[in-house]
Amino acid sequence: MNILRSPKAVWAMLAVILLIAVYLRIDFLTSVKHNVSHDSVYYDEMVKRLIEKGVYAYKAETPNAQVAPGFPLFMAGIYKLVDYTHHDPFPYLRYANLLLSMVNLVLIYFIACKLVNARIGLIATGAAATNPPFIWANGAILTEVLATFLFLSYIYRQLRAIQTGRGRDSLIAGALLGCTALVRPEFLPVVVPIYLFYWLWTKNRAAWKLLLLACIGLSIVMSPWWIRNLVTLNKVVLTATQTNPFHAGTYPYKNWDDGLVDRHGKTQQEVAIERLKIGFTEHTWLFLKWYTVGKLDYIYSRMYFGSGHTPMYKVIPLRNQYHTAMIWTGVLGLILTLRRWRQPLTLIALILVVMSFIRLLFIPEYRYNFIAMPLFIIIGSAAAEMIARWIYARISPSFTKEVKEV
């Protein structure tokens, strides 16, 4: 424990972790053949259409708002930067993922330090550095790495806003959440529960002023997208119009041919709503189970493999057990944190709960646990320390005094 009292030692250990992380990521990107998913192909077509014709359209030739603009615009910037007409942009996008992935590790460290201490920061960063999905995802031309970077940036700034109570920090946090929502819209609702928690914790009425400032920051970032949709599509679209994930989520255990409703002549939204009405009234237990433990099991039981690659880059042995251990230590951390909820770490627990509830509305996929995993790692690392302290305090009472001094 004494070594962690030296800031130089802490920074040296962090540097070693980051060096290992960057080696693993570069080795992965350069030693395997990367698969390209259907979504990546559609994004590629969309970005080229946007650059060459000025038409923002996903899987279509006419303007639409099927997907939020954050990731396509990020791709377009890389395409223009590397001159995509003469160079394949995908390798450059993968290395952009690598850079963002390294920044994500730094953000995990600083968030954990702000919530707990440097020891937990190092443990969480080390766990994230060697977490296989955080390495494999760099090969995928998908939203995960960029969205994680923006979401962790938001969380760090939101923590600062809560700790300082400054309006400027809330404004910036809201803007960062807006950036996140432009990549992955499902995170938009987290802003309200966070400030509700802040008010319940402090009973400070300034929480509502800070919430307003956060919403203003969010609106400033998202307003160009809203205006574009109003002008181009003649309708209000806050995030995106793609309804397929919501519709697909109404099929328990992905039984696509259950014949629950007649789909002929109906939109996906109409079919989804009708399925929910019939499902929860006529097949109540099946739908209750599916919309709770069923979807949670689909989302969190296995790790995300990116877009796939050959040969398999194993990273570490016992990968599935490693993932399971992180999930369950995270769940334990949730329970321990909520027992004494008046603390900053509860913010992470709250975000995880809100994210999981939001996920229950849509089709469950393993990739949807990716952005939640840094939070599981942070709160799980804190739980591991709590348990270690409890054990050592009973073995050696002098240890309690020592760990409190670190």
Protein backbone atom coordinates (compact mmCIF):
# COMPACT_ATOMS: atom_id res chain seq x y z
CA MET A 1 0.00 0.00 0.00
CA ASN A 2 2.89 2.38 0.77
CA ILE A 3 3.92 2.59 -2.87
CA LEU A 4 0.61 4.25 -3.76
CA ARG A 5 1.39 7.15 -1.46
CA SER A 6 3.90 8.39 -4.02
CA PRO A 7 2.33 10.30 -6.95
CA LYS A 8 5.33 9.35 -9.11
CA ALA A 9 4.73 5.67 -8.43
CA VAL A 10 1.04 6.02 -9.30
CA TRP A 11 1.83 7.76 -12.59
CA ALA A 12 4.50 5.16 -13.37
CA MET A 13 2.03 2.32 -12.80
CA LEU A 14 -0.56 4.08 -14.95
CA ALA A 15 2.04 4.51 -17.71
CA VAL A 16 2.85 0.78 -17.62
CA ILE A 17 -0.85 -0.08 -17.89
CA LEU A 18 -1.29 2.26 -20.85
CA LEU A 19 1.81 0.86 -22.59
CA ILE A 20 0.43 -2.67 -22.25
CA ALA A 21 -2.93 -1.44 -23.53
CA VAL A 22 -1.54 0.29 -26.60
CA TYR A 23 0.61 -2.75 -27.43
CA LEU A 24 -2.39 -5.09 -27.27
CA ARG A 25 -4.49 -2.79 -29.45
CA ILE A 26 -1.83 -2.25 -32.11
CA ASP A 27 -0.96 -5.95 -32.14
CA PHE A 28 -4.63 -6.81 -32.58
CA LEU A 29 -5.21 -4.35 -35.42
CA THR A 30 -2.13 -5.48 -37.34
CA SER A 31 -2.22 -9.25 -36.78
CA VAL A 32 -5.75 -10.27 -37.81
CA LYS A 33 -8.13 -9.93 -40.73
CA HIS A 34 -11.09 -7.77 -39.76
CA ASN A 35 -14.65 -8.60 -40.79
CA VAL A 36 -16.95 -5.82 -41.99
CA SER A 37 -20.52 -5.93 -40.68
CA HIS A 38 -23.64 -5.06 -42.66
CA ASP A 39 -24.06 -1.90 -40.59
CA SER A 40 -20.52 -0.83 -41.48
CA VAL A 41 -21.26 -1.30 -45.18
CA TYR A 42 -24.42 0.81 -44.87
CA TYR A 43 -22.49 3.51 -42.99
CA ASP A 44 -19.83 3.50 -45.71
CA GLU A 45 -22.43 3.95 -48.45
CA MET A 46 -24.14 6.67 -46.43
CA VAL A 47 -20.96 8.67 -45.85
CA LYS A 48 -19.93 8.52 -49.51
CA ARG A 49 -23.43 9.64 -50.51
CA LEU A 50 -23.19 12.53 -48.06
CA ILE A 51 -19.78 13.65 -49.35
CA GLU A 52 -20.47 13.18 -53.05
CA LYS A 53 -24.14 14.20 -53.29
CA GLY A 54 -24.75 16.18 -50.11
CA VAL A 55 -27.61 13.83 -49.19
CA TYR A 56 -27.85 12.56 -45.61
CA ALA A 57 -29.67 9.24 -46.00
CA TYR A 58 -29.23 5.81 -44.45
CA LYS A 59 -30.06 2.88 -46.75
CA ALA A 60 -31.86 5.28 -49.12
CA GLU A 61 -31.20 7.85 -51.84
CA THR A 62 -33.48 10.54 -50.42
CA PRO A 63 -32.91 12.42 -47.14
CA ASN A 64 -34.00 10.71 -43.94
CA ALA A 65 -33.20 10.62 -40.23
CA GLN A 66 -32.96 6.87 -39.77
CA VAL A 67 -29.74 7.19 -37.76
CA ALA A 68 -28.35 10.01 -35.64
CA PRO A 69 -25.62 12.04 -37.36
CA GLY A 70 -22.74 11.80 -34.88
CA PHE A 71 -20.99 8.69 -36.16
CA PRO A 72 -21.58 9.32 -39.90
CA LEU A 73 -20.13 12.83 -39.52
CA PHE A 74 -17.16 11.41 -37.61
CA MET A 75 -16.61 8.95 -40.45
CA ALA A 76 -17.00 11.69 -43.05
CA GLY A 77 -14.28 13.72 -41.35
CA ILE A 78 -11.87 10.76 -41.52
CA TYR A 79 -12.85 10.05 -45.14
CA LYS A 80 -12.07 13.62 -46.17
CA LEU A 81 -8.87 13.72 -44.13
CA VAL A 82 -7.35 10.61 -45.73
CA ASP A 83 -8.79 11.19 -49.25
CA TYR A 84 -11.02 8.14 -49.39
CA THR A 85 -11.02 8.10 -53.20
CA HIS A 86 -7.37 7.03 -53.14
CA HIS A 87 -7.03 5.34 -49.74
CA ASP A 88 -9.16 2.77 -47.95
CA PRO A 89 -10.57 4.74 -44.97
CA PHE A 90 -11.34 1.70 -42.82
CA PRO A 91 -7.76 1.17 -41.48
CA TYR A 92 -7.66 4.87 -40.53
CA LEU A 93 -11.00 4.57 -38.77
CA ARG A 94 -9.65 1.61 -36.81
CA TYR A 95 -6.62 3.60 -35.68
CA ALA A 96 -8.92 6.48 -34.75
CA ASN A 97 -10.77 3.93 -32.62
CA LEU A 98 -7.46 2.95 -31.06
CA LEU A 99 -6.68 6.55 -30.06
CA LEU A 100 -10.17 7.01 -28.60
CA SER A 101 -9.83 3.67 -26.81
CA MET A 102 -6.66 4.89 -25.10
CA VAL A 103 -8.36 8.13 -24.07
CA ASN A 104 -11.20 6.03 -22.67
CA LEU A 105 -8.72 4.28 -20.36
CA VAL A 106 -7.46 7.63 -19.10
CA LEU A 107 -11.05 8.75 -18.50
CA ILE A 108 -11.79 5.55 -16.58
CA TYR A 109 -8.77 6.27 -14.38
CA PHE A 110 -9.77 9.86 -13.64
CA ILE A 111 -13.43 8.97 -13.04
CA ALA A 112 -12.44 6.21 -10.61
CA CYS A 113 -10.00 8.55 -8.84
CA LYS A 114 -12.66 11.22 -8.51
CA LEU A 115 -15.18 8.71 -7.15
CA VAL A 116 -12.92 6.64 -4.90
CA ASN A 117 -9.11 6.88 -5.00
CA ALA A 118 -5.99 6.32 -7.12
CA ARG A 119 -5.78 2.66 -6.14
CA ILE A 120 -9.23 1.96 -7.57
CA GLY A 121 -8.29 4.08 -10.58
CA LEU A 122 -5.33 1.82 -11.33
CA ILE A 123 -7.31 -1.38 -10.74
CA ALA A 124 -10.16 -0.24 -12.99
CA THR A 125 -7.80 0.99 -15.72
CA GLY A 126 -5.84 -2.26 -15.61
CA ALA A 127 -9.03 -4.31 -15.90
CA ALA A 128 -10.26 -2.17 -18.80
CA ALA A 129 -6.88 -2.26 -20.56
CA THR A 130 -6.99 -6.05 -20.83
CA ASN A 131 -10.75 -6.45 -21.27
CA PRO A 132 -11.05 -8.30 -24.62
CA PRO A 133 -14.10 -6.40 -26.00
CA PHE A 134 -12.30 -3.07 -25.45
CA ILE A 135 -9.58 -4.42 -27.75
CA TRP A 136 -11.75 -6.19 -30.32
CA ALA A 137 -14.07 -3.19 -30.75
CA ASN A 138 -11.24 -1.17 -32.28
CA GLY A 139 -11.52 -3.28 -35.42
CA ALA A 140 -15.24 -2.57 -35.87
CA ILE A 141 -16.47 0.37 -37.93
CA LEU A 142 -19.34 0.95 -35.54
CA THR A 143 -20.43 3.46 -32.90
CA GLU A 144 -19.20 1.71 -29.74
CA VAL A 145 -15.76 3.25 -29.24
CA LEU A 146 -16.76 6.81 -30.16
CA ALA A 147 -19.92 6.63 -28.05
CA THR A 148 -17.95 5.31 -25.07
CA PHE A 149 -15.48 8.18 -25.37
CA LEU A 150 -18.24 10.78 -25.44
CA PHE A 151 -20.23 9.13 -22.65
CA LEU A 152 -17.22 8.82 -20.33
CA SER A 153 -16.34 12.45 -21.08
CA TYR A 154 -19.89 13.38 -20.12
CA ILE A 155 -19.74 11.37 -16.89
CA TYR A 156 -16.44 12.96 -15.87
CA ARG A 157 -17.78 16.45 -16.48
CA GLN A 158 -21.10 15.61 -14.81
CA LEU A 159 -19.25 14.45 -11.71
CA ARG A 160 -17.40 17.73 -11.67
CA ALA A 161 -20.68 19.65 -12.06
CA ILE A 162 -22.19 17.84 -9.07
CA GLN A 163 -19.10 18.31 -6.92
CA THR A 164 -18.60 22.01 -7.74
CA GLY A 165 -22.23 23.06 -8.22
CA ARG A 166 -21.08 25.43 -10.97
CA GLY A 167 -23.45 26.25 -13.80
CA ARG A 168 -20.66 26.25 -16.37
CA ASP A 169 -19.81 22.63 -15.59
CA SER A 170 -23.46 21.61 -15.97
CA LEU A 171 -23.68 23.47 -19.28
CA ILE A 172 -20.60 21.65 -20.61
CA ALA A 173 -21.85 18.32 -19.25
CA GLY A 174 -25.14 18.83 -21.06
CA ALA A 175 -23.29 19.62 -24.28
CA LEU A 176 -21.25 16.42 -23.94
CA LEU A 177 -24.43 14.41 -23.36
CA GLY A 178 -25.83 16.02 -26.51
CA CYS A 179 -22.75 14.86 -28.42
CA THR A 180 -23.27 11.37 -27.00
CA ALA A 181 -26.95 11.36 -28.01
CA LEU A 182 -25.98 12.32 -31.56
CA VAL A 183 -24.06 9.03 -31.70
CA ARG A 184 -26.24 6.82 -29.49
CA PRO A 185 -29.62 8.51 -28.80
CA GLU A 186 -30.69 6.09 -26.06
CA PHE A 187 -28.50 7.88 -23.51
CA LEU A 188 -30.45 11.12 -23.77
CA PRO A 189 -32.80 10.42 -20.79
CA VAL A 190 -30.03 10.00 -18.18
CA VAL A 191 -29.79 13.75 -17.54
CA VAL A 192 -33.01 13.99 -15.49
CA PRO A 193 -32.39 11.10 -13.02
CA ILE A 194 -28.88 12.41 -12.34
CA TYR A 195 -30.10 15.82 -11.19
CA LEU A 196 -32.98 14.22 -9.30
CA PHE A 197 -30.37 12.18 -7.42
CA TYR A 198 -28.33 15.34 -6.80
CA TRP A 199 -31.39 17.07 -5.33
CA LEU A 200 -32.33 14.08 -3.14
CA TRP A 201 -28.76 13.91 -1.89
CA THR A 202 -28.21 17.61 -1.14
CA LYS A 203 -31.76 19.05 -0.96
CA ASN A 204 -30.21 21.95 -2.83
CA ARG A 205 -32.77 23.73 -5.01
CA ALA A 206 -29.92 24.84 -7.24
CA ALA A 207 -30.10 21.31 -8.69
CA TRP A 208 -33.01 22.38 -10.89
CA LYS A 209 -31.09 25.40 -12.16
CA LEU A 210 -28.17 23.11 -13.00
CA LEU A 211 -30.57 20.72 -14.76
CA LEU A 212 -31.88 23.63 -16.83
CA LEU A 213 -28.34 24.63 -17.78
CA ALA A 214 -27.52 21.03 -18.71
CA CYS A 215 -30.61 20.91 -20.93
CA ILE A 216 -29.56 24.19 -22.54
CA GLY A 217 -26.11 22.79 -23.28
CA LEU A 218 -27.68 19.64 -24.70
CA SER A 219 -30.09 21.66 -26.85
CA ILE A 220 -27.34 23.88 -28.24
CA VAL A 221 -25.46 20.83 -29.51
CA MET A 222 -28.51 19.03 -30.88
CA SER A 223 -30.35 22.04 -32.34
CA PRO A 224 -28.65 21.89 -35.79
CA TRP A 225 -29.92 18.32 -36.15
CA TRP A 226 -33.42 19.32 -35.04
CA ILE A 227 -33.47 22.27 -37.46
CA ARG A 228 -32.20 20.11 -40.32
CA ASN A 229 -34.98 17.57 -39.76
CA LEU A 230 -37.64 20.27 -39.52
CA VAL A 231 -36.48 21.98 -42.72
CA THR A 232 -35.62 18.89 -44.77
CA LEU A 233 -38.18 16.37 -43.55
CA ASN A 234 -40.93 18.81 -42.48
CA LYS A 235 -41.31 17.12 -39.11
CA VAL A 236 -39.82 17.15 -35.64
CA VAL A 237 -37.25 14.40 -35.09
CA LEU A 238 -35.36 14.64 -31.82
CA THR A 239 -32.93 11.76 -32.33
CA ALA A 240 -33.68 9.27 -35.13
CA THR A 241 -36.65 7.65 -36.82
CA GLN A 242 -35.38 4.08 -36.93
CA THR A 243 -37.96 1.95 -35.12
CA ASN A 244 -36.57 -1.50 -35.90
CA PRO A 245 -34.74 -2.03 -32.55
CA PHE A 246 -37.95 -1.20 -30.64
CA HIS A 247 -40.06 -3.40 -32.92
CA ALA A 248 -37.59 -6.30 -32.82
CA GLY A 249 -37.51 -6.11 -29.04
CA THR A 250 -41.16 -7.19 -28.85
CA TYR A 251 -40.34 -10.75 -29.98
CA PRO A 252 -39.65 -12.82 -26.83
CA TYR A 253 -36.39 -14.73 -27.13
CA LYS A 254 -36.19 -13.62 -30.77
CA ASN A 255 -38.93 -15.93 -31.97
CA TRP A 256 -39.63 -13.97 -35.16
CA ASP A 257 -42.44 -16.25 -36.36
CA ASP A 258 -44.65 -16.43 -33.27
CA GLY A 259 -47.69 -15.19 -35.25
CA LEU A 260 -48.85 -12.97 -32.40
CA VAL A 261 -50.24 -10.25 -34.70
CA ASP A 262 -50.97 -9.78 -38.38
CA ARG A 263 -48.17 -7.58 -39.75
CA HIS A 264 -49.67 -7.04 -43.19
CA GLY A 265 -50.10 -3.38 -44.14
CA LYS A 266 -48.79 -2.04 -40.83
CA THR A 267 -45.71 -0.04 -39.93
CA GLN A 268 -43.11 -1.48 -37.56
CA GLN A 269 -44.24 0.97 -34.89
CA GLU A 270 -47.88 -0.13 -35.22
CA VAL A 271 -46.90 -3.80 -35.10
CA ALA A 272 -44.71 -3.23 -32.03
CA ILE A 273 -47.45 -1.44 -30.08
CA GLU A 274 -50.03 -4.09 -30.97
CA ARG A 275 -47.63 -6.85 -29.95
CA LEU A 276 -47.06 -5.21 -26.56
CA LYS A 277 -50.80 -4.85 -25.92
CA ILE A 278 -51.56 -8.47 -26.81
CA GLY A 279 -48.38 -9.81 -25.23
CA PHE A 280 -48.85 -8.25 -21.80
CA THR A 281 -52.59 -9.10 -21.67
CA GLU A 282 -52.70 -12.60 -23.20
CA HIS A 283 -49.12 -13.83 -22.58
CA THR A 284 -48.36 -11.86 -19.44
CA TRP A 285 -45.76 -14.14 -17.83
CA LEU A 286 -43.80 -14.64 -21.06
CA PHE A 287 -43.61 -10.92 -21.78
CA LEU A 288 -42.85 -9.99 -18.15
CA LYS A 289 -39.99 -12.47 -18.09
CA TRP A 290 -38.72 -11.33 -21.48
CA TYR A 291 -38.81 -7.63 -20.58
CA THR A 292 -36.88 -8.22 -17.33
CA VAL A 293 -34.50 -11.12 -16.76
CA GLY A 294 -34.76 -12.39 -20.33
CA LYS A 295 -33.38 -9.25 -21.96
CA LEU A 296 -30.88 -8.60 -19.17
CA ASP A 297 -29.48 -12.09 -19.68
CA TYR A 298 -29.17 -11.51 -23.44
CA ILE A 299 -27.42 -8.17 -22.92
CA TYR A 300 -24.97 -8.95 -20.12
CA SER A 301 -24.33 -12.71 -20.16
CA ARG A 302 -21.68 -12.63 -22.89
CA MET A 303 -19.03 -10.26 -24.10
CA TYR A 304 -19.08 -8.21 -27.30
CA PHE A 305 -16.83 -9.52 -30.10
CA GLY A 306 -16.78 -6.46 -32.34
CA SER A 307 -17.35 -7.17 -36.03
CA GLY A 308 -15.36 -10.37 -35.84
CA HIS A 309 -11.85 -11.22 -37.00
CA THR A 310 -9.63 -14.15 -38.03
CA PRO A 311 -7.66 -15.75 -36.54
CA MET A 312 -9.13 -15.34 -33.06
CA TYR A 313 -7.18 -12.81 -30.96
CA LYS A 314 -7.54 -14.33 -27.50
CA VAL A 315 -6.04 -11.47 -25.39
CA ILE A 316 -6.35 -13.41 -22.11
CA PRO A 317 -7.35 -16.93 -21.04
CA LEU A 318 -10.73 -17.59 -19.41
CA ARG A 319 -12.29 -14.66 -21.25
CA ASN A 320 -15.91 -15.57 -20.55
CA GLN A 321 -15.17 -16.10 -16.87
CA TYR A 322 -13.40 -12.73 -16.80
CA HIS A 323 -16.48 -11.05 -18.26
CA THR A 324 -18.82 -12.84 -15.85
CA ALA A 325 -16.65 -11.85 -12.89
CA MET A 326 -16.75 -8.18 -13.94
CA ILE A 327 -20.53 -8.25 -14.31
CA TRP A 328 -21.17 -9.85 -10.92
CA THR A 329 -18.63 -7.73 -9.04
CA GLY A 330 -20.37 -4.77 -10.67
CA VAL A 331 -23.75 -6.02 -9.44
CA LEU A 332 -22.25 -6.44 -5.97
CA GLY A 333 -20.90 -2.91 -6.23
CA LEU A 334 -24.39 -1.68 -7.12
CA ILE A 335 -25.86 -3.30 -4.02
CA LEU A 336 -23.12 -2.06 -1.69
CA THR A 337 -23.30 1.45 -3.12
CA LEU A 338 -27.07 1.74 -2.88
CA ARG A 339 -26.93 0.67 0.78
CA ARG A 340 -25.19 3.99 1.46
CA TRP A 341 -26.43 6.01 -1.47
CA ARG A 342 -25.43 9.51 -0.36
CA GLN A 343 -22.07 9.39 -2.13
CA PRO A 344 -20.70 10.25 -5.60
CA LEU A 345 -20.28 6.56 -6.52
CA THR A 346 -24.07 6.27 -6.53
CA LEU A 347 -24.02 8.30 -9.74
CA ILE A 348 -22.40 5.35 -11.53
CA ALA A 349 -24.92 2.94 -10.01
CA LEU A 350 -27.78 5.20 -11.08
CA ILE A 351 -26.50 5.48 -14.65
CA LEU A 352 -26.13 1.70 -14.89
CA VAL A 353 -29.69 1.16 -13.65
CA VAL A 354 -31.12 3.79 -16.02
CA MET A 355 -29.12 2.41 -18.97
CA SER A 356 -30.33 -1.12 -18.24
CA PHE A 357 -33.97 0.00 -18.03
CA ILE A 358 -33.63 1.84 -21.34
CA ARG A 359 -32.12 -1.27 -22.94
CA LEU A 360 -35.18 -3.29 -21.92
CA LEU A 361 -37.24 -1.29 -24.42
CA PHE A 362 -35.24 -2.52 -27.42
CA ILE A 363 -33.88 -5.70 -28.93
CA PRO A 364 -31.18 -7.09 -26.63
CA GLU A 365 -27.73 -7.62 -28.14
CA TYR A 366 -24.37 -8.36 -26.55
CA ARG A 367 -22.91 -5.22 -28.13
CA TYR A 368 -25.25 -3.14 -25.97
CA ASN A 369 -23.28 -4.05 -22.83
CA PHE A 370 -20.12 -2.46 -24.27
CA ILE A 371 -20.67 1.13 -23.14
CA ALA A 372 -21.86 -0.03 -19.72
CA MET A 373 -18.77 -2.14 -19.07
CA PRO A 374 -16.47 0.74 -17.98
CA LEU A 375 -19.03 1.56 -15.30
CA PHE A 376 -19.30 -2.08 -14.23
CA ILE A 377 -15.50 -2.17 -13.99
CA ILE A 378 -15.30 1.00 -11.89
CA ILE A 379 -18.04 0.07 -9.45
CA GLY A 380 -16.86 -3.55 -9.38
CA SER A 381 -13.32 -2.44 -8.53
CA ALA A 382 -14.72 -0.35 -5.69
CA ALA A 383 -16.70 -3.39 -4.48
CA ALA A 384 -13.59 -5.56 -4.57
CA GLU A 385 -11.77 -3.03 -2.41
CA MET A 386 -14.67 -2.86 0.06
CA ILE A 387 -14.60 -6.64 0.43
CA ALA A 388 -10.80 -6.71 0.72
CA ARG A 389 -10.93 -4.08 3.46
CA TRP A 390 -13.59 -6.04 5.32
CA ILE A 391 -11.55 -9.26 5.16
CA TYR A 392 -8.22 -7.70 6.09
CA ALA A 393 -9.76 -5.67 8.88
CA ARG A 394 -10.68 -8.94 10.55
CA ILE A 395 -7.32 -10.54 9.86
CA SER A 396 -5.21 -7.56 10.85
CA PRO A 397 -6.81 -4.56 12.61
CA SER A 398 -3.75 -2.45 11.78
CA PHE A 399 -4.62 -2.80 8.09
CA THR A 400 -7.72 -0.64 8.50
CA LYS A 401 -5.62 2.30 9.62
CA GLU A 402 -3.15 1.74 6.78
CA VAL A 403 -5.69 1.69 3.94
CA LYS A 404 -7.40 4.81 5.25
CA GLU A 405 -4.13 6.69 4.96
CA VAL A 406 -3.69 5.83 1.27
